[in-house]
N, C-alpha and C. Protein backbone atom coordinates (compact mmCIF):
# COMPACT_ATOMS: atom_id res chain seq x y z
N LEU A 1 83.51 215.13 6.30
CA LEU A 1 82.41 214.18 6.28
C LEU A 1 81.08 214.91 6.17
N PRO A 2 80.09 214.26 5.60
CA PRO A 2 78.76 214.86 5.57
C PRO A 2 78.23 215.06 6.99
N ASN A 3 77.40 216.05 7.16
CA ASN A 3 76.78 216.34 8.45
C ASN A 3 75.98 215.12 8.91
N ALA A 4 76.16 214.71 10.17
CA ALA A 4 75.50 213.51 10.68
C ALA A 4 73.98 213.66 10.73
N GLN A 5 73.48 214.88 10.87
CA GLN A 5 72.04 215.09 10.95
C GLN A 5 71.36 215.13 9.58
N THR A 6 72.02 215.80 8.63
CA THR A 6 71.39 216.00 7.32
C THR A 6 71.92 215.07 6.23
N GLY A 7 73.12 214.54 6.43
CA GLY A 7 73.72 213.68 5.42
C GLY A 7 74.32 214.43 4.26
N THR A 8 74.44 215.75 4.38
CA THR A 8 75.04 216.53 3.30
C THR A 8 76.26 217.28 3.82
N GLY A 9 77.16 217.50 2.91
CA GLY A 9 78.36 218.25 3.21
C GLY A 9 78.73 219.07 2.00
N ARG A 10 79.98 219.48 1.96
CA ARG A 10 80.45 220.30 0.85
C ARG A 10 80.27 219.59 -0.49
N ARG A 11 80.41 218.26 -0.48
CA ARG A 11 80.25 217.48 -1.71
C ARG A 11 79.09 216.50 -1.58
N GLY A 12 77.97 216.96 -1.06
CA GLY A 12 76.81 216.10 -0.90
C GLY A 12 77.05 215.06 0.17
N SER A 13 76.74 213.82 -0.13
CA SER A 13 76.90 212.71 0.82
C SER A 13 78.25 212.02 0.65
N SER A 14 79.05 212.48 -0.28
CA SER A 14 80.31 211.81 -0.63
C SER A 14 81.36 211.96 0.46
N ILE A 15 82.04 210.83 0.75
CA ILE A 15 83.16 210.89 1.70
C ILE A 15 84.47 210.48 1.04
N PHE A 16 84.41 209.90 -0.16
CA PHE A 16 85.61 209.49 -0.86
C PHE A 16 85.29 209.36 -2.34
N THR A 17 86.16 209.89 -3.21
CA THR A 17 85.98 209.79 -4.65
C THR A 17 87.34 209.58 -5.30
N ALA A 18 87.40 208.68 -6.27
CA ALA A 18 88.63 208.46 -7.05
C ALA A 18 88.22 208.03 -8.44
N GLY A 19 89.10 208.25 -9.41
CA GLY A 19 88.78 207.77 -10.74
C GLY A 19 89.62 208.38 -11.82
N ASP A 20 89.30 208.03 -13.03
CA ASP A 20 89.93 208.57 -14.22
C ASP A 20 88.94 209.54 -14.84
N MET A 21 89.10 210.81 -14.52
CA MET A 21 88.14 211.82 -14.96
C MET A 21 88.18 212.02 -16.47
N SER A 22 89.30 211.74 -17.11
CA SER A 22 89.36 211.91 -18.56
C SER A 22 88.44 210.92 -19.27
N LYS A 23 88.13 209.80 -18.61
CA LYS A 23 87.22 208.80 -19.18
C LYS A 23 85.89 208.77 -18.44
N ALA A 24 85.70 209.66 -17.50
CA ALA A 24 84.46 209.74 -16.71
C ALA A 24 84.17 208.44 -15.95
N GLU A 25 85.24 207.80 -15.45
CA GLU A 25 85.11 206.58 -14.65
C GLU A 25 85.42 206.92 -13.20
N VAL A 26 84.46 206.61 -12.33
CA VAL A 26 84.57 207.08 -10.95
C VAL A 26 84.13 206.00 -9.96
N ILE A 27 84.82 205.96 -8.83
CA ILE A 27 84.39 205.19 -7.66
C ILE A 27 84.12 206.23 -6.58
N ALA A 28 82.95 206.14 -5.94
CA ALA A 28 82.60 207.08 -4.87
C ALA A 28 82.01 206.32 -3.69
N VAL A 29 82.41 206.71 -2.49
CA VAL A 29 81.82 206.17 -1.27
C VAL A 29 80.98 207.28 -0.66
N GLU A 30 79.74 206.94 -0.32
CA GLU A 30 78.82 207.93 0.23
C GLU A 30 78.18 207.39 1.50
N ARG A 31 77.75 208.32 2.35
CA ARG A 31 77.16 207.97 3.65
C ARG A 31 75.82 208.68 3.78
N PHE A 32 74.77 207.89 3.99
CA PHE A 32 73.41 208.44 4.04
C PHE A 32 72.76 208.12 5.39
N PRO A 33 72.23 209.12 6.11
CA PRO A 33 71.47 208.82 7.33
C PRO A 33 70.13 208.19 6.95
N ILE A 34 69.84 207.03 7.51
CA ILE A 34 68.61 206.32 7.18
C ILE A 34 67.40 207.20 7.51
N ARG A 35 67.43 207.85 8.65
CA ARG A 35 66.32 208.70 9.10
C ARG A 35 66.00 209.76 8.05
N VAL A 36 67.01 210.42 7.53
CA VAL A 36 66.81 211.49 6.53
C VAL A 36 66.25 210.92 5.23
N LEU A 37 66.79 209.78 4.78
CA LEU A 37 66.26 209.16 3.55
C LEU A 37 64.77 208.87 3.68
N LEU A 38 64.37 208.34 4.83
CA LEU A 38 62.97 208.00 5.03
C LEU A 38 62.09 209.24 5.18
N GLU A 39 62.57 210.25 5.91
CA GLU A 39 61.79 211.49 6.05
C GLU A 39 61.59 212.16 4.70
N GLU A 40 62.64 212.16 3.86
CA GLU A 40 62.52 212.75 2.51
C GLU A 40 61.52 211.98 1.66
N ALA A 41 61.31 210.70 1.96
CA ALA A 41 60.35 209.87 1.23
C ALA A 41 58.95 210.00 1.81
N GLY A 42 58.78 210.79 2.88
CA GLY A 42 57.46 211.03 3.44
C GLY A 42 57.09 210.18 4.64
N VAL A 43 58.06 209.44 5.20
CA VAL A 43 57.78 208.62 6.38
C VAL A 43 57.77 209.54 7.61
N ALA A 44 56.77 209.37 8.46
CA ALA A 44 56.64 210.20 9.67
C ALA A 44 57.81 209.95 10.61
N PRO A 45 58.40 211.02 11.17
CA PRO A 45 59.55 210.87 12.08
C PRO A 45 59.28 209.93 13.26
N GLU A 46 58.07 209.95 13.81
CA GLU A 46 57.78 209.06 14.95
C GLU A 46 57.80 207.59 14.53
N ALA A 47 57.42 207.28 13.30
CA ALA A 47 57.48 205.91 12.81
C ALA A 47 58.93 205.45 12.65
N ILE A 48 59.79 206.39 12.27
CA ILE A 48 61.21 206.07 12.11
C ILE A 48 61.85 205.79 13.47
N GLU A 49 61.51 206.61 14.46
CA GLU A 49 62.08 206.44 15.80
C GLU A 49 61.75 205.09 16.39
N GLU A 50 60.57 204.57 16.11
CA GLU A 50 60.13 203.30 16.68
C GLU A 50 60.64 202.10 15.90
N ALA A 51 61.12 202.31 14.68
CA ALA A 51 61.51 201.20 13.82
C ALA A 51 62.92 200.71 14.15
N GLU A 52 63.10 199.43 13.95
CA GLU A 52 64.42 198.81 14.08
C GLU A 52 64.97 198.67 12.67
N LEU A 53 65.88 199.56 12.28
CA LEU A 53 66.31 199.66 10.89
C LEU A 53 67.69 199.03 10.69
N ASN A 54 67.82 197.76 11.06
CA ASN A 54 69.12 197.10 10.98
C ASN A 54 69.22 196.10 9.82
N ARG A 55 68.19 196.04 8.99
CA ARG A 55 68.18 195.19 7.79
C ARG A 55 67.52 195.97 6.66
N ILE A 56 67.95 195.71 5.44
CA ILE A 56 67.42 196.42 4.27
C ILE A 56 65.90 196.33 4.22
N GLU A 57 65.34 195.14 4.41
CA GLU A 57 63.89 194.95 4.30
C GLU A 57 63.12 195.73 5.37
N LYS A 58 63.75 196.09 6.46
CA LYS A 58 63.07 196.86 7.50
C LYS A 58 63.01 198.34 7.14
N ILE A 59 63.83 198.75 6.20
CA ILE A 59 63.80 200.14 5.71
C ILE A 59 62.75 200.27 4.61
N GLY A 60 62.66 199.25 3.76
CA GLY A 60 61.71 199.23 2.65
C GLY A 60 62.00 198.04 1.77
N THR A 61 61.27 197.90 0.68
CA THR A 61 61.60 196.82 -0.25
C THR A 61 62.99 197.13 -0.83
N PRO A 62 63.74 196.11 -1.22
CA PRO A 62 65.07 196.36 -1.80
C PRO A 62 65.01 197.34 -2.97
N GLN A 63 64.01 197.20 -3.83
CA GLN A 63 63.85 198.11 -4.98
C GLN A 63 63.66 199.54 -4.49
N THR A 64 62.81 199.73 -3.47
CA THR A 64 62.54 201.07 -2.94
C THR A 64 63.78 201.68 -2.31
N VAL A 65 64.53 200.90 -1.57
CA VAL A 65 65.76 201.42 -0.93
C VAL A 65 66.75 201.83 -2.01
N ALA A 66 66.91 201.02 -3.06
CA ALA A 66 67.80 201.38 -4.17
C ALA A 66 67.34 202.68 -4.83
N GLU A 67 66.02 202.83 -5.02
CA GLU A 67 65.49 204.06 -5.62
C GLU A 67 65.71 205.27 -4.72
N LEU A 68 65.57 205.11 -3.41
CA LEU A 68 65.82 206.22 -2.48
C LEU A 68 67.28 206.66 -2.55
N LEU A 69 68.19 205.70 -2.60
CA LEU A 69 69.62 206.03 -2.70
C LEU A 69 69.92 206.73 -4.03
N ALA A 70 69.33 206.25 -5.11
CA ALA A 70 69.54 206.86 -6.42
C ALA A 70 68.99 208.29 -6.45
N LEU A 71 67.80 208.49 -5.90
CA LEU A 71 67.21 209.84 -5.87
C LEU A 71 68.07 210.80 -5.06
N ARG A 72 68.52 210.35 -3.90
CA ARG A 72 69.36 211.22 -3.05
C ARG A 72 70.67 211.55 -3.75
N ARG A 73 71.25 210.56 -4.40
CA ARG A 73 72.51 210.77 -5.11
C ARG A 73 72.31 211.74 -6.28
N ASP A 74 71.23 211.57 -7.03
CA ASP A 74 70.93 212.48 -8.14
C ASP A 74 70.74 213.90 -7.64
N ARG A 75 70.05 214.04 -6.51
CA ARG A 75 69.80 215.36 -5.96
C ARG A 75 71.09 216.06 -5.54
N ASP A 76 72.05 215.28 -5.04
CA ASP A 76 73.33 215.85 -4.61
C ASP A 76 74.19 216.32 -5.78
N LYS A 77 73.93 215.80 -6.99
CA LYS A 77 74.72 216.17 -8.16
C LYS A 77 74.12 217.41 -8.81
N SER A 78 75.00 218.18 -9.40
CA SER A 78 74.50 219.35 -10.14
C SER A 78 74.74 219.13 -11.63
N GLY A 79 74.03 219.87 -12.44
CA GLY A 79 74.31 219.86 -13.87
C GLY A 79 73.36 219.08 -14.74
N SER A 80 72.79 218.00 -14.26
CA SER A 80 71.92 217.19 -15.12
C SER A 80 70.54 217.08 -14.49
N SER A 81 69.54 217.19 -15.34
CA SER A 81 68.17 217.03 -14.86
C SER A 81 67.70 215.59 -15.05
N ASN A 82 68.51 214.76 -15.71
CA ASN A 82 68.13 213.37 -15.92
C ASN A 82 68.27 212.58 -14.63
N ARG A 83 67.36 211.66 -14.41
CA ARG A 83 67.35 210.84 -13.20
C ARG A 83 67.87 209.44 -13.48
N SER A 84 68.59 208.90 -12.52
CA SER A 84 69.06 207.52 -12.61
C SER A 84 67.88 206.57 -12.49
N VAL A 85 67.93 205.51 -13.26
CA VAL A 85 66.89 204.48 -13.22
C VAL A 85 67.51 203.21 -12.63
N VAL A 86 66.87 202.67 -11.61
CA VAL A 86 67.33 201.42 -11.02
C VAL A 86 66.96 200.28 -11.96
N GLN A 87 67.93 199.47 -12.33
CA GLN A 87 67.69 198.32 -13.18
C GLN A 87 67.08 197.20 -12.33
N LYS A 88 65.79 196.94 -12.53
CA LYS A 88 65.03 196.05 -11.65
C LYS A 88 65.64 194.67 -11.47
N ASP A 89 66.16 194.09 -12.52
CA ASP A 89 66.73 192.75 -12.41
C ASP A 89 68.07 192.73 -11.68
N SER A 90 68.60 193.89 -11.32
CA SER A 90 69.91 193.96 -10.67
C SER A 90 69.83 194.02 -9.15
N VAL A 91 68.66 194.26 -8.59
CA VAL A 91 68.53 194.49 -7.15
C VAL A 91 68.59 193.17 -6.39
N LYS A 92 69.58 193.08 -5.47
CA LYS A 92 69.76 191.86 -4.69
C LYS A 92 70.14 192.23 -3.25
N VAL A 93 69.66 191.42 -2.31
CA VAL A 93 69.99 191.61 -0.89
C VAL A 93 70.77 190.39 -0.42
N SER A 94 71.78 190.63 0.41
CA SER A 94 72.57 189.53 0.95
C SER A 94 71.73 188.66 1.89
N ASP A 95 72.20 187.46 2.16
CA ASP A 95 71.46 186.53 3.02
C ASP A 95 71.21 187.10 4.42
N ASP A 96 72.15 187.89 4.94
CA ASP A 96 71.95 188.46 6.29
C ASP A 96 71.09 189.72 6.27
N GLY A 97 70.71 190.19 5.08
CA GLY A 97 69.83 191.35 4.96
C GLY A 97 70.50 192.69 5.17
N LYS A 98 71.81 192.72 5.27
CA LYS A 98 72.51 193.97 5.56
C LYS A 98 73.15 194.63 4.34
N THR A 99 73.21 193.95 3.22
CA THR A 99 73.87 194.50 2.04
C THR A 99 72.94 194.45 0.84
N LEU A 100 72.87 195.55 0.13
CA LEU A 100 72.03 195.71 -1.05
C LEU A 100 72.92 196.00 -2.25
N SER A 101 72.76 195.25 -3.32
CA SER A 101 73.50 195.48 -4.56
C SER A 101 72.49 195.85 -5.65
N PHE A 102 72.88 196.77 -6.52
CA PHE A 102 71.98 197.22 -7.58
C PHE A 102 72.76 197.92 -8.68
N ALA A 103 72.10 198.13 -9.81
CA ALA A 103 72.70 198.85 -10.93
C ALA A 103 71.78 200.00 -11.32
N LEU A 104 72.41 201.09 -11.74
CA LEU A 104 71.69 202.29 -12.17
C LEU A 104 72.09 202.62 -13.60
N ARG A 105 71.21 203.33 -14.29
CA ARG A 105 71.51 203.82 -15.63
C ARG A 105 70.90 205.20 -15.77
N VAL A 106 71.66 206.12 -16.33
CA VAL A 106 71.15 207.46 -16.59
C VAL A 106 71.58 207.88 -17.99
N GLN A 107 70.65 208.50 -18.71
CA GLN A 107 70.98 209.03 -20.03
C GLN A 107 71.67 210.37 -19.86
N ILE A 108 72.72 210.57 -20.63
CA ILE A 108 73.48 211.82 -20.60
C ILE A 108 73.01 212.70 -21.74
N ASP A 109 72.75 213.96 -21.43
CA ASP A 109 72.33 214.89 -22.48
C ASP A 109 73.44 215.07 -23.50
N VAL A 110 73.09 214.99 -24.77
CA VAL A 110 74.04 215.17 -25.86
C VAL A 110 73.58 216.35 -26.70
N GLN A 111 74.47 217.32 -26.89
CA GLN A 111 74.12 218.52 -27.64
C GLN A 111 74.06 218.27 -29.15
N LYS A 112 75.00 217.46 -29.65
CA LYS A 112 75.07 217.21 -31.10
C LYS A 112 75.15 215.70 -31.35
N PRO A 113 73.99 215.03 -31.42
CA PRO A 113 73.99 213.57 -31.62
C PRO A 113 74.67 213.13 -32.91
N GLU A 114 74.57 213.94 -33.96
CA GLU A 114 75.20 213.57 -35.23
C GLU A 114 76.72 213.56 -35.12
N LEU A 115 77.29 214.48 -34.36
CA LEU A 115 78.73 214.51 -34.14
C LEU A 115 79.16 213.32 -33.28
N LEU A 116 78.37 212.98 -32.28
CA LEU A 116 78.64 211.83 -31.43
C LEU A 116 78.63 210.55 -32.27
N MET A 117 77.69 210.44 -33.19
CA MET A 117 77.61 209.28 -34.07
C MET A 117 78.87 209.16 -34.92
N GLU A 118 79.35 210.29 -35.41
CA GLU A 118 80.58 210.31 -36.21
C GLU A 118 81.78 209.85 -35.39
N GLN A 119 81.90 210.37 -34.16
CA GLN A 119 83.08 210.13 -33.33
C GLN A 119 83.06 208.79 -32.61
N MET A 120 81.88 208.37 -32.12
CA MET A 120 81.83 207.17 -31.28
C MET A 120 80.92 206.07 -31.83
N GLY A 121 80.18 206.36 -32.87
CA GLY A 121 79.29 205.36 -33.44
C GLY A 121 77.99 205.16 -32.69
N VAL A 122 77.65 206.10 -31.81
CA VAL A 122 76.39 206.05 -31.07
C VAL A 122 75.75 207.43 -31.09
N SER A 123 74.43 207.49 -30.99
CA SER A 123 73.76 208.79 -30.99
C SER A 123 73.27 209.18 -29.59
N GLU A 124 73.33 208.23 -28.66
CA GLU A 124 72.93 208.50 -27.28
C GLU A 124 74.03 208.00 -26.35
N LEU A 125 74.20 208.68 -25.21
CA LEU A 125 75.18 208.26 -24.21
C LEU A 125 74.46 207.91 -22.91
N TYR A 126 74.93 206.83 -22.29
CA TYR A 126 74.40 206.42 -20.99
C TYR A 126 75.55 206.22 -20.02
N ARG A 127 75.29 206.52 -18.75
CA ARG A 127 76.25 206.23 -17.68
C ARG A 127 75.67 205.06 -16.90
N ASP A 128 76.46 203.99 -16.78
CA ASP A 128 76.06 202.83 -16.00
C ASP A 128 76.78 202.88 -14.67
N THR A 129 76.07 202.53 -13.62
CA THR A 129 76.62 202.58 -12.26
C THR A 129 76.26 201.30 -11.52
N LEU A 130 77.24 200.74 -10.84
CA LEU A 130 76.99 199.65 -9.92
C LEU A 130 77.01 200.23 -8.51
N GLY A 131 76.04 199.81 -7.72
CA GLY A 131 75.98 200.30 -6.35
C GLY A 131 75.95 199.15 -5.37
N LYS A 132 76.54 199.38 -4.21
CA LYS A 132 76.50 198.41 -3.12
C LYS A 132 76.35 199.20 -1.84
N ALA A 133 75.28 198.94 -1.11
CA ALA A 133 74.99 199.68 0.12
C ALA A 133 74.96 198.70 1.29
N THR A 134 75.44 199.14 2.44
CA THR A 134 75.52 198.24 3.57
C THR A 134 75.10 198.92 4.88
N LEU A 135 74.56 198.11 5.75
CA LEU A 135 74.18 198.55 7.10
C LEU A 135 75.13 197.97 8.14
N GLU A 136 76.28 197.50 7.72
CA GLU A 136 77.23 196.83 8.62
C GLU A 136 77.67 197.69 9.79
N GLY A 137 77.65 199.00 9.62
CA GLY A 137 78.10 199.88 10.70
C GLY A 137 77.18 199.91 11.90
N ASP A 138 75.90 199.50 11.72
CA ASP A 138 74.91 199.54 12.81
C ASP A 138 74.92 200.88 13.54
N ASP A 139 75.00 201.97 12.74
CA ASP A 139 75.10 203.30 13.34
C ASP A 139 74.02 204.26 12.84
N GLY A 140 72.98 203.73 12.17
CA GLY A 140 71.91 204.58 11.66
C GLY A 140 72.20 205.16 10.29
N PHE A 141 73.27 204.70 9.67
CA PHE A 141 73.65 205.19 8.34
C PHE A 141 73.75 204.04 7.36
N ILE A 142 73.48 204.34 6.11
CA ILE A 142 73.76 203.41 5.02
C ILE A 142 75.06 203.90 4.39
N MET A 143 76.05 203.03 4.34
CA MET A 143 77.31 203.35 3.67
C MET A 143 77.24 202.68 2.31
N ALA A 144 77.54 203.43 1.26
CA ALA A 144 77.40 202.89 -0.10
C ALA A 144 78.61 203.23 -0.96
N VAL A 145 78.87 202.35 -1.90
CA VAL A 145 79.90 202.61 -2.90
C VAL A 145 79.23 202.57 -4.26
N PHE A 146 79.68 203.45 -5.15
CA PHE A 146 79.15 203.53 -6.50
C PHE A 146 80.33 203.53 -7.47
N GLY A 147 80.30 202.65 -8.45
CA GLY A 147 81.31 202.62 -9.50
C GLY A 147 80.62 202.90 -10.81
N SER A 148 81.05 203.92 -11.54
CA SER A 148 80.34 204.28 -12.76
C SER A 148 81.27 204.63 -13.91
N ALA A 149 80.75 204.40 -15.11
CA ALA A 149 81.47 204.71 -16.34
C ALA A 149 80.45 204.85 -17.46
N LEU A 150 80.90 205.40 -18.57
CA LEU A 150 80.04 205.44 -19.75
C LEU A 150 79.75 204.02 -20.19
N GLU A 151 78.56 203.81 -20.71
CA GLU A 151 78.14 202.48 -21.17
C GLU A 151 79.17 201.90 -22.14
N THR A 152 79.74 202.73 -22.98
CA THR A 152 80.71 202.28 -23.98
C THR A 152 81.98 201.73 -23.35
N ASP A 153 82.35 202.20 -22.14
CA ASP A 153 83.54 201.72 -21.44
C ASP A 153 83.22 200.61 -20.45
N PHE A 154 81.97 200.56 -20.00
CA PHE A 154 81.59 199.63 -18.94
C PHE A 154 81.70 198.17 -19.39
N GLY A 155 81.56 197.92 -20.67
CA GLY A 155 81.62 196.55 -21.17
C GLY A 155 83.04 196.01 -21.32
N GLY A 156 84.05 196.85 -21.16
CA GLY A 156 85.43 196.42 -21.35
C GLY A 156 86.17 196.16 -20.05
N VAL A 157 87.51 196.23 -20.13
CA VAL A 157 88.35 195.95 -18.95
C VAL A 157 88.11 196.95 -17.82
N ASP A 158 87.77 198.17 -18.17
CA ASP A 158 87.51 199.16 -17.13
C ASP A 158 86.25 198.80 -16.34
N GLY A 159 85.26 198.24 -17.03
CA GLY A 159 84.05 197.79 -16.34
C GLY A 159 84.33 196.65 -15.39
N VAL A 160 85.23 195.75 -15.78
CA VAL A 160 85.63 194.64 -14.90
C VAL A 160 86.28 195.21 -13.64
N ALA A 161 87.15 196.19 -13.81
CA ALA A 161 87.83 196.81 -12.66
C ALA A 161 86.82 197.49 -11.74
N LEU A 162 85.84 198.17 -12.33
CA LEU A 162 84.81 198.83 -11.52
C LEU A 162 83.99 197.80 -10.74
N ARG A 163 83.59 196.73 -11.41
CA ARG A 163 82.81 195.67 -10.73
C ARG A 163 83.60 195.07 -9.57
N ASP A 164 84.88 194.76 -9.81
CA ASP A 164 85.71 194.18 -8.76
C ASP A 164 85.89 195.14 -7.59
N SER A 165 86.04 196.42 -7.89
CA SER A 165 86.20 197.43 -6.84
C SER A 165 84.94 197.55 -5.99
N VAL A 166 83.79 197.62 -6.64
CA VAL A 166 82.52 197.72 -5.92
C VAL A 166 82.31 196.47 -5.06
N GLU A 167 82.60 195.31 -5.63
CA GLU A 167 82.41 194.06 -4.89
C GLU A 167 83.32 193.99 -3.66
N SER A 168 84.49 194.61 -3.72
CA SER A 168 85.44 194.55 -2.60
C SER A 168 85.03 195.41 -1.41
N PHE A 169 84.07 196.29 -1.60
CA PHE A 169 83.69 197.27 -0.58
C PHE A 169 83.13 196.60 0.68
N ARG A 170 83.63 197.04 1.83
CA ARG A 170 83.13 196.61 3.13
C ARG A 170 83.15 197.81 4.08
N ALA A 171 82.11 197.95 4.86
CA ALA A 171 82.09 198.93 5.95
C ALA A 171 82.27 198.11 7.22
N LEU A 172 83.27 198.41 7.98
CA LEU A 172 83.60 197.62 9.16
C LEU A 172 83.36 198.43 10.42
N LYS A 173 82.62 197.84 11.34
CA LYS A 173 82.35 198.52 12.60
C LYS A 173 83.60 198.45 13.47
N GLY A 174 84.02 199.60 13.97
CA GLY A 174 85.20 199.65 14.83
C GLY A 174 84.87 199.20 16.24
N GLY A 175 85.82 198.69 16.95
CA GLY A 175 85.67 198.16 18.30
C GLY A 175 84.77 198.97 19.22
N SER A 176 85.22 199.26 20.41
CA SER A 176 84.39 199.91 21.42
C SER A 176 84.08 201.36 21.07
N SER A 177 84.89 201.97 20.20
CA SER A 177 84.66 203.37 19.84
C SER A 177 83.45 203.53 18.93
N GLY A 178 83.04 202.44 18.25
CA GLY A 178 81.89 202.51 17.35
C GLY A 178 82.20 203.17 16.03
N VAL A 179 83.47 203.52 15.78
CA VAL A 179 83.85 204.18 14.54
C VAL A 179 83.75 203.17 13.40
N VAL A 180 83.19 203.60 12.30
CA VAL A 180 83.07 202.74 11.13
C VAL A 180 84.25 203.02 10.21
N SER A 181 84.93 201.96 9.79
CA SER A 181 86.01 202.14 8.83
C SER A 181 85.61 201.47 7.52
N LEU A 182 86.32 201.79 6.48
CA LEU A 182 86.00 201.28 5.16
C LEU A 182 87.11 200.39 4.65
N LYS A 183 86.73 199.41 3.85
CA LYS A 183 87.69 198.63 3.12
C LYS A 183 87.25 198.67 1.67
N LEU A 184 88.09 199.23 0.83
CA LEU A 184 87.79 199.34 -0.59
C LEU A 184 89.08 199.12 -1.34
N THR A 185 89.14 198.09 -2.14
CA THR A 185 90.31 197.81 -2.94
C THR A 185 90.00 198.20 -4.36
N CYS A 186 90.63 199.25 -4.83
CA CYS A 186 90.41 199.68 -6.21
C CYS A 186 91.39 198.93 -7.09
N ILE A 187 90.86 198.24 -8.05
CA ILE A 187 91.64 197.31 -8.85
C ILE A 187 91.89 197.90 -10.23
N SER A 188 93.04 197.62 -10.79
CA SER A 188 93.42 197.97 -12.14
C SER A 188 94.19 199.28 -12.18
N HIS A 189 94.58 199.62 -13.37
CA HIS A 189 95.33 200.84 -13.61
C HIS A 189 94.45 202.09 -13.48
N ILE A 190 93.16 201.93 -13.48
CA ILE A 190 92.25 203.08 -13.43
C ILE A 190 92.37 203.78 -12.09
N PHE A 191 92.35 203.00 -11.04
CA PHE A 191 92.26 203.56 -9.70
C PHE A 191 93.46 203.15 -8.88
N VAL A 192 93.94 204.07 -8.10
CA VAL A 192 94.99 203.76 -7.15
C VAL A 192 94.46 204.22 -5.80
N CYS A 193 93.86 203.31 -5.04
CA CYS A 193 93.34 203.69 -3.75
C CYS A 193 93.20 202.50 -2.83
N LYS A 194 93.54 202.70 -1.62
CA LYS A 194 93.21 201.75 -0.54
C LYS A 194 92.80 202.61 0.60
N LYS A 195 91.64 202.37 1.12
CA LYS A 195 91.10 203.24 2.18
C LYS A 195 90.77 202.39 3.37
């Protein structure tokens, strides 16, 4: 698991990953300490200590929280200097204020656009990602799931499976122990996982 203080581990904030790597389709569950996200955004530690951060809007605007999660996730990844862009019309908060849904898009660097045009009929590649973040654990962490694929695959049956998998995500607070467990049903032939 990622370090509880810093939110980073051997694989960044990731605690679970599954997918079809040959098609670059992935489901990932990540855990982010709210305190660290806010400190990295420039919020004073004493302001964080005094805040009651049990709803998305108490952390920031839904758009801002989605952007903080995207920035942290991009920083944890290596290899690309391109940044994910939060799709503004996609940001939604649940009625209870504990769950945030959003979509991200990032352009993938292409070395030979003319060859890509020949092979796939496009000169640019984008990775589309659906995200769902929750405060259900009431433990000072945001638990999030991300389902991503190339734009060219996202519009087909694989995209439906990714959407259904992301939608199924729940972080469940454990009884008296306070342990948070996950419920994620990965749907379709792409993913075989129940956590």
